Amino acid sequence: MSTTTYAVSGMTCSHCVSAVTDEIGKLGGVTDVSIDLVPNGQSQVTVTSEAPLPEIDVRDAVDEAGYELVGTPG
């Protein structure tokens, strides 16, 4: 199992959380998506998967949901 936390900007509400969760959840091997929402700030998105995911795939999924992956915090 692999767990990685990403910083995502632009999220403001539970609808945003659902959109990002749904898009990342479509990636192969993802078993869990947990989001610590920080409205109008950088929300922490923790993704658990069977194997490490390419960051570009996560970035594309977040983009598809309408938000911006700003990196992987510390």
PDB file of N, CA and C in Angstrom:
ATOM      1  N   MET A   1       0.833  -1.186   0.000  1.00  0.00           N
ATOM      2  CA  MET A   1       0.000   0.000   0.000  1.00  0.00           C
ATOM      3  C   MET A   1       0.878   1.251   0.000  1.00  0.00           C
ATOM      4  N   SER A   2       0.364   2.290  -0.619  1.00  0.00           N
ATOM      5  CA  SER A   2       1.066   3.562  -0.690  1.00  0.00           C
ATOM      6  C   SER A   2       0.098   4.673  -0.297  1.00  0.00           C
ATOM      7  N   THR A   3       0.564   5.603   0.542  1.00  0.00           N
ATOM      8  CA  THR A   3      -0.259   6.744   0.939  1.00  0.00           C
ATOM      9  C   THR A   3       0.536   8.017   0.667  1.00  0.00           C
ATOM     10  N   THR A   4      -0.079   8.945  -0.085  1.00  0.00           N
ATOM     11  CA  THR A   4       0.557  10.209  -0.422  1.00  0.00           C
ATOM     12  C   THR A   4      -0.430  11.333  -0.170  1.00  0.00           C
ATOM     13  N   THR A   5       0.058  12.440   0.372  1.00  0.00           N
ATOM     14  CA  THR A   5      -0.777  13.608   0.608  1.00  0.00           C
ATOM     15  C   THR A   5      -0.392  14.700  -0.385  1.00  0.00           C
ATOM     16  N   TYR A   6      -1.407  15.297  -0.985  1.00  0.00           N
ATOM     17  CA  TYR A   6      -1.229  16.354  -1.974  1.00  0.00           C
ATOM     18  C   TYR A   6      -1.906  17.624  -1.475  1.00  0.00           C
ATOM     19  N   ALA A   7      -1.416  18.770  -1.908  1.00  0.00           N
ATOM     20  CA  ALA A   7      -2.064  20.051  -1.624  1.00  0.00           C
ATOM     21  C   ALA A   7      -2.847  20.456  -2.865  1.00  0.00           C
ATOM     22  N   VAL A   8      -4.123  20.802  -2.652  1.00  0.00           N
ATOM     23  CA  VAL A   8      -5.002  21.183  -3.750  1.00  0.00           C
ATOM     24  C   VAL A   8      -5.628  22.533  -3.422  1.00  0.00           C
ATOM     25  N   SER A   9      -5.595  23.456  -4.389  1.00  0.00           N
ATOM     26  CA  SER A   9      -6.186  24.772  -4.164  1.00  0.00           C
ATOM     27  C   SER A   9      -7.479  24.915  -4.956  1.00  0.00           C
ATOM     28  N   GLY A  10      -8.338  25.831  -4.481  1.00  0.00           N
ATOM     29  CA  GLY A  10      -9.574  26.143  -5.175  1.00  0.00           C
ATOM     30  C   GLY A  10     -10.809  25.484  -4.604  1.00  0.00           C
ATOM     31  N   MET A  11     -10.647  24.582  -3.654  1.00  0.00           N
ATOM     32  CA  MET A  11     -11.797  23.892  -3.079  1.00  0.00           C
ATOM     33  C   MET A  11     -12.425  24.769  -1.984  1.00  0.00           C
ATOM     34  N   THR A  12     -13.774  24.818  -1.958  1.00  0.00           N
ATOM     35  CA  THR A  12     -14.447  25.670  -0.977  1.00  0.00           C
ATOM     36  C   THR A  12     -15.551  24.977  -0.189  1.00  0.00           C
ATOM     37  N   CYS A  13     -16.026  23.813  -0.654  1.00  0.00           N
ATOM     38  CA  CYS A  13     -17.210  23.221  -0.019  1.00  0.00           C
ATOM     39  C   CYS A  13     -17.234  21.700  -0.182  1.00  0.00           C
ATOM     40  N   SER A  14     -18.290  21.088   0.343  1.00  0.00           N
ATOM     41  CA  SER A  14     -18.411  19.631   0.273  1.00  0.00           C
ATOM     42  C   SER A  14     -18.590  19.149  -1.168  1.00  0.00           C
ATOM     43  N   HIS A  15     -19.178  19.975  -2.041  1.00  0.00           N
ATOM     44  CA  HIS A  15     -19.293  19.594  -3.449  1.00  0.00           C
ATOM     45  C   HIS A  15     -17.905  19.463  -4.068  1.00  0.00           C
ATOM     46  N   CYS A  16     -17.012  20.385  -3.707  1.00  0.00           N
ATOM     47  CA  CYS A  16     -15.626  20.324  -4.197  1.00  0.00           C
ATOM     48  C   CYS A  16     -14.960  19.024  -3.740  1.00  0.00           C
ATOM     49  N   VAL A  17     -15.166  18.692  -2.478  1.00  0.00           N
ATOM     50  CA  VAL A  17     -14.596  17.463  -1.914  1.00  0.00           C
ATOM     51  C   VAL A  17     -15.096  16.254  -2.701  1.00  0.00           C
ATOM     52  N   SER A  18     -16.402  16.217  -2.984  1.00  0.00           N
ATOM     53  CA  SER A  18     -16.983  15.096  -3.730  1.00  0.00           C
ATOM     54  C   SER A  18     -16.407  14.999  -5.136  1.00  0.00           C
ATOM     55  N   ALA A  19     -16.258  16.146  -5.800  1.00  0.00           N
ATOM     56  CA  ALA A  19     -15.741  16.146  -7.168  1.00  0.00           C
ATOM     57  C   ALA A  19     -14.319  15.605  -7.224  1.00  0.00           C
ATOM     58  N   VAL A  20     -13.468  16.070  -6.319  1.00  0.00           N
ATOM     59  CA  VAL A  20     -12.075  15.622  -6.299  1.00  0.00           C
ATOM     60  C   VAL A  20     -11.994  14.147  -5.898  1.00  0.00           C
ATOM     61  N   THR A  21     -12.772  13.759  -4.892  1.00  0.00           N
ATOM     62  CA  THR A  21     -12.790  12.364  -4.446  1.00  0.00           C
ATOM     63  C   THR A  21     -13.206  11.440  -5.589  1.00  0.00           C
ATOM     64  N   ASP A  22     -14.252  11.822  -6.315  1.00  0.00           N
ATOM     65  CA  ASP A  22     -14.736  10.992  -7.426  1.00  0.00           C
ATOM     66  C   ASP A  22     -13.687  10.836  -8.515  1.00  0.00           C
ATOM     67  N   GLU A  23     -13.056  11.944  -8.916  1.00  0.00           N
ATOM     68  CA  GLU A  23     -12.081  11.879 -10.015  1.00  0.00           C
ATOM     69  C   GLU A  23     -10.839  11.076  -9.619  1.00  0.00           C
ATOM     70  N   ILE A  24     -10.305  11.315  -8.425  1.00  0.00           N
ATOM     71  CA  ILE A  24      -9.115  10.565  -7.999  1.00  0.00           C
ATOM     72  C   ILE A  24      -9.480   9.098  -7.789  1.00  0.00           C
ATOM     73  N   GLY A  25     -10.684   8.855  -7.289  1.00  0.00           N
ATOM     74  CA  GLY A  25     -11.141   7.485  -7.049  1.00  0.00           C
ATOM     75  C   GLY A  25     -11.226   6.648  -8.310  1.00  0.00           C
ATOM     76  N   LYS A  26     -11.312   7.285  -9.479  1.00  0.00           N
ATOM     77  CA  LYS A  26     -11.363   6.574 -10.759  1.00  0.00           C
ATOM     78  C   LYS A  26     -10.000   6.040 -11.183  1.00  0.00           C
ATOM     79  N   LEU A  27      -8.918   6.545 -10.564  1.00  0.00           N
ATOM     80  CA  LEU A  27      -7.578   6.088 -10.936  1.00  0.00           C
ATOM     81  C   LEU A  27      -7.374   4.648 -10.495  1.00  0.00           C
ATOM     82  N   GLY A  28      -6.734   3.880 -11.319  1.00  0.00           N
ATOM     83  CA  GLY A  28      -6.488   2.476 -11.025  1.00  0.00           C
ATOM     84  C   GLY A  28      -5.693   2.276  -9.744  1.00  0.00           C
ATOM     85  N   GLY A  29      -6.170   1.384  -8.894  1.00  0.00           N
ATOM     86  CA  GLY A  29      -5.454   1.036  -7.673  1.00  0.00           C
ATOM     87  C   GLY A  29      -5.783   1.892  -6.468  1.00  0.00           C
ATOM     88  N   VAL A  30      -6.565   2.968  -6.646  1.00  0.00           N
ATOM     89  CA  VAL A  30      -6.904   3.834  -5.506  1.00  0.00           C
ATOM     90  C   VAL A  30      -7.895   3.111  -4.602  1.00  0.00           C
ATOM     91  N   THR A  31      -7.568   3.049  -3.306  1.00  0.00           N
ATOM     92  CA  THR A  31      -8.445   2.379  -2.353  1.00  0.00           C
ATOM     93  C   THR A  31      -9.130   3.355  -1.396  1.00  0.00           C
ATOM     94  N   ASP A  32      -8.585   4.580  -1.254  1.00  0.00           N
ATOM     95  CA  ASP A  32      -9.196   5.555  -0.362  1.00  0.00           C
ATOM     96  C   ASP A  32      -8.721   6.962  -0.719  1.00  0.00           C
ATOM     97  N   VAL A  33      -9.630   7.923  -0.576  1.00  0.00           N
ATOM     98  CA  VAL A  33      -9.303   9.340  -0.749  1.00  0.00           C
ATOM     99  C   VAL A  33      -9.893  10.066   0.448  1.00  0.00           C
ATOM    100  N   SER A  34      -9.044  10.781   1.174  1.00  0.00           N
ATOM    101  CA  SER A  34      -9.472  11.535   2.351  1.00  0.00           C
ATOM    102  C   SER A  34      -9.056  12.985   2.166  1.00  0.00           C
ATOM    103  N   ILE A  35      -9.985  13.918   2.424  1.00  0.00           N
ATOM    104  CA  ILE A  35      -9.693  15.331   2.180  1.00  0.00           C
ATOM    105  C   ILE A  35      -9.943  16.150   3.438  1.00  0.00           C
ATOM    106  N   ASP A  36      -8.927  16.936   3.815  1.00  0.00           N
ATOM    107  CA  ASP A  36      -9.046  17.910   4.897  1.00  0.00           C
ATOM    108  C   ASP A  36      -9.280  19.258   4.219  1.00  0.00           C
ATOM    109  N   LEU A  37     -10.549  19.654   4.124  1.00  0.00           N
ATOM    110  CA  LEU A  37     -10.933  20.859   3.391  1.00  0.00           C
ATOM    111  C   LEU A  37     -10.481  22.126   4.107  1.00  0.00           C
ATOM    112  N   VAL A  38      -9.794  22.982   3.382  1.00  0.00           N
ATOM    113  CA  VAL A  38      -9.417  24.319   3.842  1.00  0.00           C
ATOM    114  C   VAL A  38     -10.010  25.290   2.821  1.00  0.00           C
ATOM    115  N   PRO A  39     -11.243  25.794   3.076  1.00  0.00           N
ATOM    116  CA  PRO A  39     -11.904  26.655   2.091  1.00  0.00           C
ATOM    117  C   PRO A  39     -11.013  27.826   1.671  1.00  0.00           C
ATOM    118  N   ASN A  40     -10.884  28.002   0.350  1.00  0.00           N
ATOM    119  CA  ASN A  40     -10.082  29.073  -0.240  1.00  0.00           C
ATOM    120  C   ASN A  40      -8.604  29.013   0.130  1.00  0.00           C
ATOM    121  N   GLY A  41      -8.154  27.866   0.609  1.00  0.00           N
ATOM    122  CA  GLY A  41      -6.740  27.680   0.941  1.00  0.00           C
ATOM    123  C   GLY A  41      -6.229  26.427   0.248  1.00  0.00           C
ATOM    124  N   GLN A  42      -5.233  25.803   0.848  1.00  0.00           N
ATOM    125  CA  GLN A  42      -4.698  24.555   0.305  1.00  0.00           C
ATOM    126  C   GLN A  42      -5.237  23.386   1.113  1.00  0.00           C
ATOM    127  N   SER A  43      -6.153  22.646   0.509  1.00  0.00           N
ATOM    128  CA  SER A  43      -6.727  21.473   1.149  1.00  0.00           C
ATOM    129  C   SER A  43      -5.755  20.307   1.027  1.00  0.00           C
ATOM    130  N   GLN A  44      -5.704  19.483   2.054  1.00  0.00           N
ATOM    131  CA  GLN A  44      -4.832  18.316   2.046  1.00  0.00           C
ATOM    132  C   GLN A  44      -5.622  17.106   1.557  1.00  0.00           C
ATOM    133  N   VAL A  45      -5.170  16.505   0.474  1.00  0.00           N
ATOM    134  CA  VAL A  45      -5.834  15.355  -0.125  1.00  0.00           C
ATOM    135  C   VAL A  45      -4.919  14.147   0.059  1.00  0.00           C
ATOM    136  N   THR A  46      -5.362  13.195   0.856  1.00  0.00           N
ATOM    137  CA  THR A  46      -4.568  11.999   1.126  1.00  0.00           C
ATOM    138  C   THR A  46      -5.128  10.843   0.307  1.00  0.00           C
ATOM    139  N   VAL A  47      -4.258  10.259  -0.510  1.00  0.00           N
ATOM    140  CA  VAL A  47      -4.662   9.187  -1.415  1.00  0.00           C
ATOM    141  C   VAL A  47      -3.939   7.907  -1.011  1.00  0.00           C
ATOM    142  N   THR A  48      -4.720   6.861  -0.789  1.00  0.00           N
ATOM    143  CA  THR A  48      -4.162   5.541  -0.504  1.00  0.00           C
ATOM    144  C   THR A  48      -4.410   4.672  -1.731  1.00  0.00           C
ATOM    145  N   SER A  49      -3.357   4.012  -2.164  1.00  0.00           N
ATOM    146  CA  SER A  49      -3.459   3.181  -3.371  1.00  0.00           C
ATOM    147  C   SER A  49      -2.617   1.921  -3.198  1.00  0.00           C
ATOM    148  N   GLU A  50      -2.871   0.972  -4.075  1.00  0.00           N
ATOM    149  CA  GLU A  50      -2.150  -0.296  -4.013  1.00  0.00           C
ATOM    150  C   GLU A  50      -0.667  -0.123  -4.317  1.00  0.00           C
ATOM    151  N   ALA A  51      -0.337   0.861  -5.131  1.00  0.00           N
ATOM    152  CA  ALA A  51       1.048   1.169  -5.497  1.00  0.00           C
ATOM    153  C   ALA A  51       1.141   2.683  -5.676  1.00  0.00           C
ATOM    154  N   PRO A  52       2.344   3.246  -5.608  1.00  0.00           N
ATOM    155  CA  PRO A  52       2.473   4.696  -5.815  1.00  0.00           C
ATOM    156  C   PRO A  52       1.890   5.113  -7.162  1.00  0.00           C
ATOM    157  N   LEU A  53       1.193   6.243  -7.166  1.00  0.00           N
ATOM    158  CA  LEU A  53       0.587   6.765  -8.394  1.00  0.00           C
ATOM    159  C   LEU A  53       1.496   7.810  -9.030  1.00  0.00           C
ATOM    160  N   PRO A  54       1.568   7.837 -10.352  1.00  0.00           N
ATOM    161  CA  PRO A  54       2.309   8.923 -11.003  1.00  0.00           C
ATOM    162  C   PRO A  54       1.620  10.256 -10.679  1.00  0.00           C
ATOM    163  N   GLU A  55       2.391  11.259 -10.266  1.00  0.00           N
ATOM    164  CA  GLU A  55       1.803  12.542  -9.891  1.00  0.00           C
ATOM    165  C   GLU A  55       1.005  13.149 -11.038  1.00  0.00           C
ATOM    166  N   ILE A  56       1.433  12.935 -12.275  1.00  0.00           N
ATOM    167  CA  ILE A  56       0.720  13.502 -13.420  1.00  0.00           C
ATOM    168  C   ILE A  56      -0.708  12.957 -13.491  1.00  0.00           C
ATOM    169  N   ASP A  57      -0.903  11.699 -13.121  1.00  0.00           N
ATOM    170  CA  ASP A  57      -2.245  11.111 -13.135  1.00  0.00           C
ATOM    171  C   ASP A  57      -3.135  11.779 -12.089  1.00  0.00           C
ATOM    172  N   VAL A  58      -2.572  12.020 -10.904  1.00  0.00           N
ATOM    173  CA  VAL A  58      -3.325  12.681  -9.840  1.00  0.00           C
ATOM    174  C   VAL A  58      -3.615  14.125 -10.251  1.00  0.00           C
ATOM    175  N   ARG A  59      -2.616  14.796 -10.828  1.00  0.00           N
ATOM    176  CA  ARG A  59      -2.786  16.178 -11.295  1.00  0.00           C
ATOM    177  C   ARG A  59      -3.905  16.263 -12.332  1.00  0.00           C
ATOM    178  N   ASP A  60      -3.921  15.323 -13.279  1.00  0.00           N
ATOM    179  CA  ASP A  60      -4.954  15.308 -14.316  1.00  0.00           C
ATOM    180  C   ASP A  60      -6.340  15.081 -13.718  1.00  0.00           C
ATOM    181  N   ALA A  61      -6.441  14.203 -12.723  1.00  0.00           N
ATOM    182  CA  ALA A  61      -7.733  13.930 -12.078  1.00  0.00           C
ATOM    183  C   ALA A  61      -8.238  15.169 -11.336  1.00  0.00           C
ATOM    184  N   VAL A  62      -7.342  15.851 -10.633  1.00  0.00           N
ATOM    185  CA  VAL A  62      -7.711  17.073  -9.904  1.00  0.00           C
ATOM    186  C   VAL A  62      -8.122  18.152 -10.901  1.00  0.00           C
ATOM    187  N   ASP A  63      -7.389  18.258 -12.007  1.00  0.00           N
ATOM    188  CA  ASP A  63      -7.726  19.205 -13.088  1.00  0.00           C
ATOM    189  C   ASP A  63      -9.124  18.928 -13.635  1.00  0.00           C
ATOM    190  N   GLU A  64      -9.407  17.665 -13.873  1.00  0.00           N
ATOM    191  CA  GLU A  64     -10.701  17.255 -14.420  1.00  0.00           C
ATOM    192  C   GLU A  64     -11.836  17.671 -13.479  1.00  0.00           C
ATOM    193  N   ALA A  65     -11.568  17.650 -12.181  1.00  0.00           N
ATOM    194  CA  ALA A  65     -12.575  18.063 -11.191  1.00  0.00           C
ATOM    195  C   ALA A  65     -12.699  19.582 -11.128  1.00  0.00           C
ATOM    196  N   GLY A  66     -11.739  20.299 -11.714  1.00  0.00           N
ATOM    197  CA  GLY A  66     -11.811  21.757 -11.754  1.00  0.00           C
ATOM    198  C   GLY A  66     -10.968  22.469 -10.727  1.00  0.00           C
ATOM    199  N   TYR A  67      -9.976  21.782 -10.186  1.00  0.00           N
ATOM    200  CA  TYR A  67      -9.125  22.370  -9.142  1.00  0.00           C
ATOM    201  C   TYR A  67      -7.660  22.221  -9.517  1.00  0.00           C
ATOM    202  N   GLU A  68      -6.770  22.714  -8.679  1.00  0.00           N
ATOM    203  CA  GLU A  68      -5.354  22.725  -9.024  1.00  0.00           C
ATOM    204  C   GLU A  68      -4.520  21.998  -7.969  1.00  0.00           C
ATOM    205  N   LEU A  69      -3.755  21.013  -8.435  1.00  0.00           N
ATOM    206  CA  LEU A  69      -2.790  20.350  -7.572  1.00  0.00           C
ATOM    207  C   LEU A  69      -1.587  21.263  -7.463  1.00  0.00           C
ATOM    208  N   VAL A  70      -1.259  21.698  -6.245  1.00  0.00           N
ATOM    209  CA  VAL A  70      -0.152  22.637  -6.074  1.00  0.00           C
ATOM    210  C   VAL A  70       1.102  21.951  -5.536  1.00  0.00           C
ATOM    211  N   GLY A  71       1.033  20.666  -5.289  1.00  0.00           N
ATOM    212  CA  GLY A  71       2.231  19.940  -4.885  1.00  0.00           C
ATOM    213  C   GLY A  71       1.967  18.920  -3.808  1.00  0.00           C
ATOM    214  N   THR A  72       3.049  18.330  -3.350  1.00  0.00           N
ATOM    215  CA  THR A  72       2.991  17.395  -2.253  1.00  0.00           C
ATOM    216  C   THR A  72       3.677  18.060  -1.064  1.00  0.00           C
ATOM    217  N   PRO A  73       2.910  18.369  -0.021  1.00  0.00           N
ATOM    218  CA  PRO A  73       3.505  19.048   1.129  1.00  0.00           C
ATOM    219  C   PRO A  73       4.543  18.175   1.835  1.00  0.00           C
ATOM    220  N   GLY A  74       5.564  18.826   2.333  1.00  0.00           N
ATOM    221  CA  GLY A  74       6.633  18.224   3.125  1.00  0.00           C
ATOM    222  C   GLY A  74       6.612  16.788   3.100  1.00  0.00           C
TER     223      GLY A  74
END
